[in-house]
C-alpha atoms as a PDB file:
ATOM      1  CA  MET A   1     118.715  95.775  93.534  1.00  0.00           C
ATOM      2  CA  TRP A   2     115.281  96.769  92.327  1.00  0.00           C
ATOM      3  CA  ILE A   3     114.977  97.690  88.675  1.00  0.00           C
ATOM      4  CA  CYS A   4     112.134  99.994  89.602  1.00  0.00           C
ATOM      5  CA  SER A   5     110.942 101.413  92.874  1.00  0.00           C
ATOM      6  CA  ASN A   6     107.653 100.441  94.502  1.00  0.00           C
ATOM      7  CA  ARG A   7     106.147 103.421  92.690  1.00  0.00           C
ATOM      8  CA  TRP A   8     106.763 102.013  89.203  1.00  0.00           C
ATOM      9  CA  ALA A   9     106.033  98.480  90.330  1.00  0.00           C
ATOM     10  CA  ARG A  10     102.579  99.673  91.292  1.00  0.00           C
ATOM     11  CA  ILE A  11     101.953 102.136  88.458  1.00  0.00           C
ATOM     12  CA  VAL A  12     103.273 100.033  85.603  1.00  0.00           C
ATOM     13  CA  GLY A  13     102.299  96.724  87.176  1.00  0.00           C
ATOM     14  CA  VAL A  14     105.563  94.879  87.795  1.00  0.00           C
ATOM     15  CA  ALA A  15     107.565  94.021  90.878  1.00  0.00           C
ATOM     16  CA  ALA A  16     110.867  92.945  89.398  1.00  0.00           C
ATOM     17  CA  VAL A  17     114.083  92.360  91.327  1.00  0.00           C
ATOM     18  CA  VAL A  18     117.515  92.083  89.742  1.00  0.00           C
ATOM     19  CA  ALA A  19     120.571  90.409  90.959  1.00  0.00           C
ATOM     20  CA  GLY A  20     127.615 116.105 106.911  1.00  0.00           C
ATOM     21  CA  CYS A  21     125.384 117.739 108.803  1.00  0.00           C
ATOM     22  CA  GLY A  22     123.551 116.576 111.908  1.00  0.00           C
ATOM     23  CA  GLY A  23     122.179 113.135 112.648  1.00  0.00           C
ATOM     24  CA  GLY A  24     119.747 111.351 114.899  1.00  0.00           C
ATOM     25  CA  GLY A  25     117.169 114.072 114.283  1.00  0.00           C
ATOM     26  CA  MET A  26     119.555 116.920 115.128  1.00  0.00           C
ATOM     27  CA  VAL A  27     119.691 120.044 112.982  1.00  0.00           C
ATOM     28  CA  VAL A  28     122.972 121.942 112.840  1.00  0.00           C
ATOM     29  CA  PRO A  29     124.546 124.616 110.593  1.00  0.00           C
ATOM     30  CA  CYS A  30     126.687 123.781 107.555  1.00  0.00           C
ATOM     31  CA  LYS A  31     129.407 125.898 105.945  1.00  0.00           C
ATOM     32  CA  ALA A  32     130.823 126.329 102.400  1.00  0.00           C
ATOM     33  CA  GLN A  33     130.319 128.153  99.050  1.00  0.00           C
ATOM     34  CA  VAL A  34     127.002 128.259  97.178  1.00  0.00           C
ATOM     35  CA  PRO A  35     127.400 126.744  93.681  1.00  0.00           C
ATOM     36  CA  GLU A  36     125.967 128.171  90.485  1.00  0.00           C
ATOM     37  CA  LEU A  37     122.539 126.709  89.783  1.00  0.00           C
ATOM     38  CA  ARG A  38     121.035 126.377  86.324  1.00  0.00           C
ATOM     39  CA  GLY A  39     117.741 124.879  85.275  1.00  0.00           C
ATOM     40  CA  GLY A  40     114.341 126.093  84.193  1.00  0.00           C
ATOM     41  CA  SER A  41     110.674 126.491  85.000  1.00  0.00           C
ATOM     42  CA  MET A  42     108.914 124.092  87.338  1.00  0.00           C
ATOM     43  CA  LEU A  43     105.899 122.977  85.333  1.00  0.00           C
ATOM     44  CA  ASP A  44     102.661 121.517  86.665  1.00  0.00           C
ATOM     45  CA  CYS A  45     101.801 117.916  85.796  1.00  0.00           C
ATOM     46  CA  SER A  46      98.471 117.201  87.507  1.00  0.00           C
ATOM     47  CA  GLY A  47      99.601 119.286  90.480  1.00  0.00           C
ATOM     48  CA  LEU A  48     103.053 117.671  90.681  1.00  0.00           C
ATOM     49  CA  PRO A  49     106.443 119.104  89.650  1.00  0.00           C
ATOM     50  CA  CYS A  50     107.878 118.423  86.210  1.00  0.00           C
ATOM     51  CA  MET A  51     110.082 120.246  83.734  1.00  0.00           C
ATOM     52  CA  GLU A  52     110.964 120.361  80.075  1.00  0.00           C
ATOM     53  CA  VAL A  53     114.046 118.369  79.146  1.00  0.00           C
ATOM     54  CA  THR A  54     115.825 118.247  75.791  1.00  0.00           C
ATOM     55  CA  VAL A  55     117.962 115.363  74.534  1.00  0.00           C
ATOM     56  CA  ALA A  56     120.415 114.852  71.664  1.00  0.00           C
ATOM     57  CA  GLY A  57     118.835 115.997  68.421  1.00  0.00           C
ATOM     58  CA  GLY A  58     116.714 118.610  70.170  1.00  0.00           C
ATOM     59  CA  THR A  59     113.695 116.458  71.079  1.00  0.00           C
ATOM     60  CA  ARG A  60     111.768 117.890  74.010  1.00  0.00           C
ATOM     61  CA  LEU A  61     110.396 115.729  76.794  1.00  0.00           C
ATOM     62  CA  LYS A  62     108.189 116.607  79.743  1.00  0.00           C
ATOM     63  CA  LEU A  63     109.559 114.706  82.732  1.00  0.00           C
ATOM     64  CA  LEU A  64     108.313 114.562  86.312  1.00  0.00           C
ATOM     65  CA  ILE A  65     110.817 115.270  89.083  1.00  0.00           C
ATOM     66  CA  ASP A  66     110.651 112.181  91.243  1.00  0.00           C
ATOM     67  CA  THR A  67     112.717 112.076  94.425  1.00  0.00           C
ATOM     68  CA  GLY A  68     110.902 108.865  95.370  1.00  0.00           C
ATOM     69  CA  ASN A  69     112.459 106.676  92.681  1.00  0.00           C
ATOM     70  CA  THR A  70     115.903 105.249  91.983  1.00  0.00           C
ATOM     71  CA  HIS A  71     115.431 104.829  88.219  1.00  0.00           C
ATOM     72  CA  SER A  72     114.580 107.576  85.761  1.00  0.00           C
ATOM     73  CA  LEU A  73     111.750 106.508  83.477  1.00  0.00           C
ATOM     74  CA  LEU A  74     110.825 107.002  79.817  1.00  0.00           C
ATOM     75  CA  ASP A  75     107.708 105.982  77.936  1.00  0.00           C
ATOM     76  CA  GLU A  76     108.300 103.219  75.399  1.00  0.00           C
ATOM     77  CA  ALA A  77     106.697 105.209  72.570  1.00  0.00           C
ATOM     78  CA  LYS A  78     109.105 108.105  73.144  1.00  0.00           C
ATOM     79  CA  ALA A  79     112.075 105.746  73.314  1.00  0.00           C
ATOM     80  CA  LYS A  80     111.151 104.267  69.930  1.00  0.00           C
ATOM     81  CA  GLU A  81     110.502 107.724  68.478  1.00  0.00           C
ATOM     82  CA  LEU A  82     114.027 108.708  69.539  1.00  0.00           C
ATOM     83  CA  GLY A  83     115.477 105.537  68.031  1.00  0.00           C
ATOM     84  CA  LEU A  84     117.083 104.487  71.313  1.00  0.00           C
ATOM     85  CA  GLU A  85     118.808 101.141  71.594  1.00  0.00           C
ATOM     86  CA  LEU A  86     116.794  99.082  74.083  1.00  0.00           C
ATOM     87  CA  GLN A  87     118.670  96.696  76.355  1.00  0.00           C
ATOM     88  CA  PRO A  88     116.784  93.885  78.137  1.00  0.00           C
ATOM     89  CA  VAL A  89     116.266  94.017  81.876  1.00  0.00           C
ATOM     90  CA  ASN A  90     117.331  90.626  83.165  1.00  0.00           C
ATOM     91  CA  GLY A  91     116.281  88.992  86.403  1.00  0.00           C
ATOM     92  CA  PRO A  92     118.383  86.824  88.721  1.00  0.00           C
ATOM     93  CA  ASP A  93     117.739  83.850  86.438  1.00  0.00           C
ATOM     94  CA  GLY A  94     119.240  85.733  83.494  1.00  0.00           C
ATOM     95  CA  LYS A  95     115.911  85.903  81.662  1.00  0.00           C
ATOM     96  CA  PRO A  96     114.561  89.288  80.525  1.00  0.00           C
ATOM     97  CA  TYR A  97     111.430  90.803  81.993  1.00  0.00           C
ATOM     98  CA  PRO A  98     108.973  91.286  79.106  1.00  0.00           C
ATOM     99  CA  GLY A  99     107.980  94.892  78.447  1.00  0.00           C
ATOM    100  CA  TYR A 100     110.927  96.491  80.267  1.00  0.00           C
ATOM    101  CA  TRP A 101     114.207  97.765  78.896  1.00  0.00           C
ATOM    102  CA  PHE A 102     117.100 100.025  79.748  1.00  0.00           C
ATOM    103  CA  ALA A 103     118.177 102.787  77.385  1.00  0.00           C
ATOM    104  CA  THR A 104     120.543 105.749  77.450  1.00  0.00           C
ATOM    105  CA  LEU A 105     119.525 109.329  76.713  1.00  0.00           C
ATOM    106  CA  LYS A 106     122.413 111.464  75.474  1.00  0.00           C
ATOM    107  CA  ASP A 107     123.129 115.176  75.917  1.00  0.00           C
ATOM    108  CA  VAL A 108     120.308 115.613  78.426  1.00  0.00           C
ATOM    109  CA  LYS A 109     119.554 119.221  79.366  1.00  0.00           C
ATOM    110  CA  ALA A 110     117.056 120.138  82.078  1.00  0.00           C
ATOM    111  CA  GLY A 111     116.369 123.718  81.094  1.00  0.00           C
ATOM    112  CA  ASP A 112     119.882 125.143  80.709  1.00  0.00           C
ATOM    113  CA  ALA A 113     121.437 122.636  83.135  1.00  0.00           C
ATOM    114  CA  SER A 114     123.408 119.822  81.529  1.00  0.00           C
ATOM    115  CA  LEU A 115     122.928 116.307  82.920  1.00  0.00           C
ATOM    116  CA  GLY A 116     125.024 114.535  80.265  1.00  0.00           C
ATOM    117  CA  GLU A 117     124.057 110.917  79.613  1.00  0.00           C
ATOM    118  CA  LEU A 118     121.156 109.445  81.545  1.00  0.00           C
ATOM    119  CA  LYS A 119     120.264 105.776  81.847  1.00  0.00           C
ATOM    120  CA  VAL A 120     116.502 105.260  81.940  1.00  0.00           C
ATOM    121  CA  LEU A 121     114.069 102.430  82.495  1.00  0.00           C
ATOM    122  CA  VAL A 122     111.748 102.146  79.491  1.00  0.00           C
ATOM    123  CA  ALA A 123     108.162 100.926  79.852  1.00  0.00           C
ATOM    124  CA  ASP A 124     104.790 101.416  78.190  1.00  0.00           C
ATOM    125  CA  LEU A 125     103.054 104.147  80.192  1.00  0.00           C
ATOM    126  CA  LYS A 126      99.887 104.300  78.067  1.00  0.00           C
ATOM    127  CA  PRO A 127      97.807 101.980  80.306  1.00  0.00           C
ATOM    128  CA  SER A 128      98.722 103.945  83.430  1.00  0.00           C
ATOM    129  CA  LEU A 129      98.080 107.271  81.699  1.00  0.00           C
ATOM    130  CA  ALA A 130      94.692 106.000  80.527  1.00  0.00           C
ATOM    131  CA  LYS A 131      93.754 104.863  84.047  1.00  0.00           C
ATOM    132  CA  GLY A 132      94.873 108.166  85.540  1.00  0.00           C
ATOM    133  CA  ASP A 133      97.355 106.668  87.990  1.00  0.00           C
ATOM    134  CA  PHE A 134     100.349 108.286  86.251  1.00  0.00           C
ATOM    135  CA  PRO A 135     100.465 112.060  85.639  1.00  0.00           C
ATOM    136  CA  PRO A 136     100.523 113.214  81.985  1.00  0.00           C
ATOM    137  CA  ALA A 137     104.255 113.182  81.218  1.00  0.00           C
ATOM    138  CA  ASP A 138     106.799 111.360  79.072  1.00  0.00           C
ATOM    139  CA  GLY A 139     108.528 109.866  82.110  1.00  0.00           C
ATOM    140  CA  ALA A 140     110.439 111.028  85.164  1.00  0.00           C
ATOM    141  CA  LEU A 141     113.816 112.147  86.445  1.00  0.00           C
ATOM    142  CA  ALA A 142     114.752 110.099  89.517  1.00  0.00           C
ATOM    143  CA  TYR A 143     116.912 111.456  92.329  1.00  0.00           C
ATOM    144  CA  THR A 144     119.863 109.472  90.990  1.00  0.00           C
ATOM    145  CA  ALA A 145     119.954 111.831  87.983  1.00  0.00           C
ATOM    146  CA  PHE A 146     121.288 114.474  90.389  1.00  0.00           C
ATOM    147  CA  GLN A 147     124.126 112.463  91.944  1.00  0.00           C
ATOM    148  CA  ASP A 148     126.792 114.722  93.516  1.00  0.00           C
ATOM    149  CA  ARG A 149     124.739 117.804  92.612  1.00  0.00           C
ATOM    150  CA  VAL A 150     122.552 120.273  94.470  1.00  0.00           C
ATOM    151  CA  LEU A 151     118.900 120.188  93.411  1.00  0.00           C
ATOM    152  CA  LYS A 152     116.826 123.271  94.214  1.00  0.00           C
ATOM    153  CA  LEU A 153     113.045 122.956  94.010  1.00  0.00           C
ATOM    154  CA  ASP A 154     111.616 126.457  94.358  1.00  0.00           C
ATOM    155  CA  TYR A 155     107.897 125.953  94.797  1.00  0.00           C
ATOM    156  CA  LYS A 156     107.396 129.658  95.573  1.00  0.00           C
ATOM    157  CA  ASN A 157     108.758 130.913  92.261  1.00  0.00           C
ATOM    158  CA  GLU A 158     108.138 127.714  90.253  1.00  0.00           C
ATOM    159  CA  ARG A 159     111.776 127.181  89.333  1.00  0.00           C
ATOM    160  CA  VAL A 160     114.168 124.226  89.326  1.00  0.00           C
ATOM    161  CA  GLY A 161     117.903 124.762  89.871  1.00  0.00           C
ATOM    162  CA  ILE A 162     120.642 122.166  89.344  1.00  0.00           C
ATOM    163  CA  SER A 163     124.368 122.487  90.040  1.00  0.00           C
ATOM    164  CA  GLN A 164     127.230 120.827  88.236  1.00  0.00           C
ATOM    165  CA  PRO A 165     128.725 117.799  90.056  1.00  0.00           C
ATOM    166  CA  LEU A 166     130.414 119.109  93.220  1.00  0.00           C
ATOM    167  CA  LYS A 167     133.663 118.428  95.032  1.00  0.00           C
ATOM    168  CA  ALA A 168     133.145 120.840  97.960  1.00  0.00           C
ATOM    169  CA  GLU A 169     130.305 121.229 100.433  1.00  0.00           C
ATOM    170  CA  VAL A 170     127.722 124.014 100.132  1.00  0.00           C
ATOM    171  CA  PRO A 171     126.112 125.948 102.995  1.00  0.00           C
ATOM    172  CA  CYS A 172     122.804 125.595 104.737  1.00  0.00           C
ATOM    173  CA  PRO A 173     121.601 129.187 105.174  1.00  0.00           C
ATOM    174  CA  ASP A 174     120.139 128.432 108.605  1.00  0.00           C
ATOM    175  CA  SER A 175     120.025 124.747 109.480  1.00  0.00           C
ATOM    176  CA  CYS A 176     119.886 121.458 107.688  1.00  0.00           C
ATOM    177  CA  GLY A 177     118.995 117.816 108.020  1.00  0.00           C
ATOM    178  CA  GLU A 178     121.026 114.783 107.036  1.00  0.00           C
ATOM    179  CA  LEU A 179     120.083 113.058 103.778  1.00  0.00           C
ATOM    180  CA  THR A 180     120.242 109.278 103.833  1.00  0.00           C
ATOM    181  CA  THR A 181     119.052 106.520 101.489  1.00  0.00           C
ATOM    182  CA  PRO A 182     117.397 103.797 103.580  1.00  0.00           C
ATOM    183  CA  THR A 183     115.566 101.052 101.755  1.00  0.00           C
ATOM    184  CA  PHE A 184     111.795 101.232 101.542  1.00  0.00           C
ATOM    185  CA  GLY A 185     111.221  98.221 103.737  1.00  0.00           C
ATOM    186  CA  ARG A 186     113.694  95.419 104.318  1.00  0.00           C
ATOM    187  CA  LYS A 187     113.700  94.342 100.651  1.00  0.00           C
ATOM    188  CA  GLY A 188     112.769  97.569  98.908  1.00  0.00           C
ATOM    189  CA  PRO A 189     114.792 100.049  96.860  1.00  0.00           C
ATOM    190  CA  PRO A 190     116.845 102.863  98.454  1.00  0.00           C
ATOM    191  CA  ILE A 191     114.869 106.087  98.815  1.00  0.00           C
ATOM    192  CA  VAL A 192     115.743 109.651  99.891  1.00  0.00           C
ATOM    193  CA  ALA A 193     115.078 110.431 103.551  1.00  0.00           C
ATOM    194  CA  THR A 194     116.081 113.274 105.846  1.00  0.00           C
ATOM    195  CA  THR A 195     116.217 114.333 109.456  1.00  0.00           C
ATOM    196  CA  GLY A 196     115.163 117.830 110.522  1.00  0.00           C
ATOM    197  CA  PHE A 197     111.369 117.544 110.422  1.00  0.00           C
ATOM    198  CA  LYS A 198     109.331 117.366 113.610  1.00  0.00           C
ATOM    199  CA  VAL A 199     105.766 116.461 114.560  1.00  0.00           C
ATOM    200  CA  ASN A 200     104.541 117.903 117.849  1.00  0.00           C
ATOM    201  CA  SER A 201     108.198 118.809 118.607  1.00  0.00           C
ATOM    202  CA  GLU A 202     109.255 115.163 118.188  1.00  0.00           C
ATOM    203  CA  PRO A 203     111.952 114.537 115.538  1.00  0.00           C
ATOM    204  CA  VAL A 204     111.063 112.254 112.651  1.00  0.00           C
ATOM    205  CA  VAL A 205     112.983 110.719 109.773  1.00  0.00           C
ATOM    206  CA  VAL A 206     110.913 111.121 106.624  1.00  0.00           C
ATOM    207  CA  GLN A 207     111.085 110.188 102.974  1.00  0.00           C
ATOM    208  CA  ILE A 208     111.138 113.154 100.580  1.00  0.00           C
ATOM    209  CA  ASP A 209     108.738 112.241  97.787  1.00  0.00           C
ATOM    210  CA  THR A 210     107.913 114.950  95.265  1.00  0.00           C
ATOM    211  CA  LEU A 211     105.250 112.742  93.655  1.00  0.00           C
ATOM    212  CA  TYR A 212     103.317 112.246  96.889  1.00  0.00           C
ATOM    213  CA  SER A 213     100.674 114.977  96.683  1.00  0.00           C
ATOM    214  CA  GLY A 214      99.778 115.209 100.389  1.00  0.00           C
ATOM    215  CA  THR A 215     101.437 116.874 103.382  1.00  0.00           C
ATOM    216  CA  MET A 216     102.963 114.363 105.811  1.00  0.00           C
ATOM    217  CA  LEU A 217     102.140 110.657 105.903  1.00  0.00           C
ATOM    218  CA  ILE A 218     102.930 108.919 109.205  1.00  0.00           C
ATOM    219  CA  TYR A 219     103.453 105.149 109.120  1.00  0.00           C
ATOM    220  CA  PRO A 220     101.839 102.820 111.696  1.00  0.00           C
ATOM    221  CA  THR A 221     105.060 102.061 113.636  1.00  0.00           C
ATOM    222  CA  SER A 222     105.505 105.768 114.484  1.00  0.00           C
ATOM    223  CA  VAL A 223     101.954 106.799 115.435  1.00  0.00           C
ATOM    224  CA  GLY A 224     102.296 105.920 119.116  1.00  0.00           C
ATOM    225  CA  LYS A 225     105.721 107.464 119.724  1.00  0.00           C
ATOM    226  CA  LEU A 226     104.510 110.776 118.288  1.00  0.00           C
ATOM    227  CA  GLY A 227     101.480 110.873 120.579  1.00  0.00           C
ATOM    228  CA  LEU A 228      99.028 110.948 117.685  1.00  0.00           C
ATOM    229  CA  SER A 229      95.431 109.800 117.874  1.00  0.00           C
ATOM    230  CA  ASP A 230      94.503 106.304 116.757  1.00  0.00           C
ATOM    231  CA  PRO A 231      94.098 106.552 112.953  1.00  0.00           C
ATOM    232  CA  SER A 232      91.206 104.090 113.026  1.00  0.00           C
ATOM    233  CA  ALA A 233      89.186 106.695 114.913  1.00  0.00           C
ATOM    234  CA  SER A 234      89.345 109.100 111.969  1.00  0.00           C
ATOM    235  CA  ALA A 235      86.173 109.486 109.938  1.00  0.00           C
ATOM    236  CA  LYS A 236      87.927 111.303 107.096  1.00  0.00           C
ATOM    237  CA  LYS A 237      89.596 109.670 104.132  1.00  0.00           C
ATOM    238  CA  ARG A 238      91.331 111.107 101.106  1.00  0.00           C
ATOM    239  CA  PHE A 239      92.164 109.418  97.813  1.00  0.00           C
ATOM    240  CA  PHE A 240      95.688 109.831  96.387  1.00  0.00           C
ATOM    241  CA  PRO A 241      95.674 108.813  92.696  1.00  0.00           C
ATOM    242  CA  PHE A 242      99.443 108.701  92.131  1.00  0.00           C
ATOM    243  CA  THR A 243     100.490 106.791  95.238  1.00  0.00           C
ATOM    244  CA  ASP A 244     100.554 102.983  95.194  1.00  0.00           C
ATOM    245  CA  GLY A 245      98.415 102.981  92.051  1.00  0.00           C
ATOM    246  CA  GLY A 246      95.728 105.011  93.833  1.00  0.00           C
ATOM    247  CA  VAL A 247      94.931 104.578  97.541  1.00  0.00           C
ATOM    248  CA  ASP A 248      92.868 106.026 100.367  1.00  0.00           C
ATOM    249  CA  MET A 249      94.582 107.446 103.439  1.00  0.00           C
ATOM    250  CA  MET A 250      93.087 108.372 106.799  1.00  0.00           C
ATOM    251  CA  GLU A 251      93.197 112.077 107.623  1.00  0.00           C
ATOM    252  CA  GLY A 252      94.319 113.335 111.042  1.00  0.00           C
ATOM    253  CA  THR A 253      95.870 116.382 112.695  1.00  0.00           C
ATOM    254  CA  ALA A 254      98.991 117.301 114.627  1.00  0.00           C
ATOM    255  CA  GLY A 255      99.549 120.227 116.939  1.00  0.00           C
ATOM    256  CA  ALA A 256     102.381 121.387 114.704  1.00  0.00           C
ATOM    257  CA  GLU A 257     104.639 120.304 111.849  1.00  0.00           C
ATOM    258  CA  SER A 258     108.037 121.957 111.657  1.00  0.00           C
ATOM    259  CA  PHE A 259     111.485 121.858 110.110  1.00  0.00           C
ATOM    260  CA  GLY A 260     114.365 122.943 112.318  1.00  0.00           C
ATOM    261  CA  THR A 261     113.178 126.063 114.118  1.00  0.00           C
ATOM    262  CA  MET A 262     110.598 126.885 111.416  1.00  0.00           C
ATOM    263  CA  VAL A 263     106.985 126.039 112.194  1.00  0.00           C
ATOM    264  CA  LEU A 264     105.464 124.962 108.905  1.00  0.00           C
ATOM    265  CA  LYS A 265     101.918 124.706 110.159  1.00  0.00           C
ATOM    266  CA  LYS A 266      99.979 124.593 113.415  1.00  0.00           C
ATOM    267  CA  ASP A 267      96.931 122.346 113.742  1.00  0.00           C
ATOM    268  CA  ALA A 268      98.409 120.631 110.701  1.00  0.00           C
ATOM    269  CA  THR A 269      96.692 118.036 108.559  1.00  0.00           C
ATOM    270  CA  LEU A 270      98.571 114.772 108.212  1.00  0.00           C
ATOM    271  CA  TYR A 271      97.727 111.319 106.925  1.00  0.00           C
ATOM    272  CA  PHE A 272      97.878 107.701 108.059  1.00  0.00           C
ATOM    273  CA  ALA A 273      98.315 104.551 106.014  1.00  0.00           C
ATOM    274  CA  THR A 274      95.410 102.264 105.235  1.00  0.00           C
ATOM    275  CA  SER A 275      95.900  98.579 104.427  1.00  0.00           C
ATOM    276  CA  LYS A 276      96.587  99.296 100.744  1.00  0.00           C
ATOM    277  CA  VAL A 277      99.420 101.754 101.421  1.00  0.00           C
ATOM    278  CA  HIS A 278     102.876 100.196 101.193  1.00  0.00           C
ATOM    279  CA  THR A 279     104.775 100.726 104.438  1.00  0.00           C
ATOM    280  CA  PRO A 280     108.552 100.668 105.098  1.00  0.00           C
ATOM    281  CA  ASP A 281     108.712  98.073 107.904  1.00  0.00           C
ATOM    282  CA  GLY A 282     109.633 100.747 110.446  1.00  0.00           C
ATOM    283  CA  MET A 283     112.749 101.845 108.527  1.00  0.00           C
ATOM    284  CA  PHE A 284     111.651 105.493 108.907  1.00  0.00           C
ATOM    285  CA  ASP A 285     108.695 107.445 110.286  1.00  0.00           C
ATOM    286  CA  GLY A 286     106.858 108.980 107.381  1.00  0.00           C
ATOM    287  CA  THR A 287     106.812 110.621 103.964  1.00  0.00           C
ATOM    288  CA  VAL A 288     106.556 114.326 103.178  1.00  0.00           C
ATOM    289  CA  GLY A 289     105.116 115.577  99.915  1.00  0.00           C
ATOM    290  CA  HIS A 290     103.913 118.289  97.623  1.00  0.00           C
ATOM    291  CA  GLU A 291     101.392 120.074  99.860  1.00  0.00           C
ATOM    292  CA  LEU A 292     103.990 120.496 102.598  1.00  0.00           C
ATOM    293  CA  PHE A 293     106.484 121.897 100.080  1.00  0.00           C
ATOM    294  CA  ALA A 294     104.115 124.486  98.590  1.00  0.00           C
ATOM    295  CA  ARG A 295     105.329 128.069  99.092  1.00  0.00           C
ATOM    296  CA  HIS A 296     108.764 126.806 100.198  1.00  0.00           C
ATOM    297  CA  VAL A 297     112.180 126.248  98.645  1.00  0.00           C
ATOM    298  CA  LEU A 298     113.732 122.775  98.983  1.00  0.00           C
ATOM    299  CA  MET A 299     117.472 122.244  98.716  1.00  0.00           C
ATOM    300  CA  LEU A 300     118.765 118.693  98.322  1.00  0.00           C
ATOM    301  CA  ASP A 301     122.550 118.371  98.358  1.00  0.00           C
ATOM    302  CA  PHE A 302     123.330 114.941  96.932  1.00  0.00           C
ATOM    303  CA  HIS A 303     127.072 115.516  97.348  1.00  0.00           C
ATOM    304  CA  ALA A 304     127.365 116.396 101.045  1.00  0.00           C
ATOM    305  CA  HIS A 305     124.030 114.720 101.882  1.00  0.00           C
ATOM    306  CA  HIS A 306     122.287 117.757 103.363  1.00  0.00           C
ATOM    307  CA  PHE A 307     118.699 118.924 103.121  1.00  0.00           C
ATOM    308  CA  TRP A 308     117.211 122.264 104.025  1.00  0.00           C
ATOM    309  CA  LEU A 309     113.983 124.128 103.505  1.00  0.00           C
ATOM    310  CA  THR A 310     113.232 127.867 103.535  1.00  0.00           C
END
């Protein structure tokens, strides 16, 4: 498996490898009881979602909420300040990767939601913070921190809600997509993807990436099937500082972007990959991010593998 997703490989500068609802684009109702959600305020870290987290001893950390990564992350300076025991990260040859460790945070609380113990990847974030390709934060909570829980990201009211680990399914209030974890490319790490979104009424499978600051990014293998204009014809580019270490993307438009029966935007802006954008080898169609989530509420059920948006 990958010790860090493509995001951290690009931001920190290492690419290290160590040895139901709906489907096929359909959106259908789900049924069950809504769990109690606890949490706290959704803070702003350079325009991206983060929240205050406390750990054993009462130390406060500001951590990004990163649904695009498999490993939660902590800055090396904070790990040493907390006196954490650092374990080497070994490669397939049994030798440790210099500058990278695993550690365990104890009694982790995200607002008033308890996450218990949390294993984190530790790395020196100072160079990336200085270059501006990592938002100002002490690290990040990956989607794996919410295993078997419901994660509510309320962009409208700037709140984060987290359930306790679940044993029963919870409802979609209207309709929902199916959460899956395909790899990012044939050799990449597993990421969070969902059905339910559409472009020009055509269903797409998209990665949910809370640290991608744009709307919808469509990968080259899906441009033609969605009837979109040739990206090379676009004269507009936009720079995304926190994606792939900072990359340009080509700007385009779609007649409409939607989720289920809800039209999110007509004449919608979307983006296309340039040569420096890492692409998933056709494993899924695109990535949705922060600007598409604004003014909406996202519900990610990591127990029953459902996603819905209101």
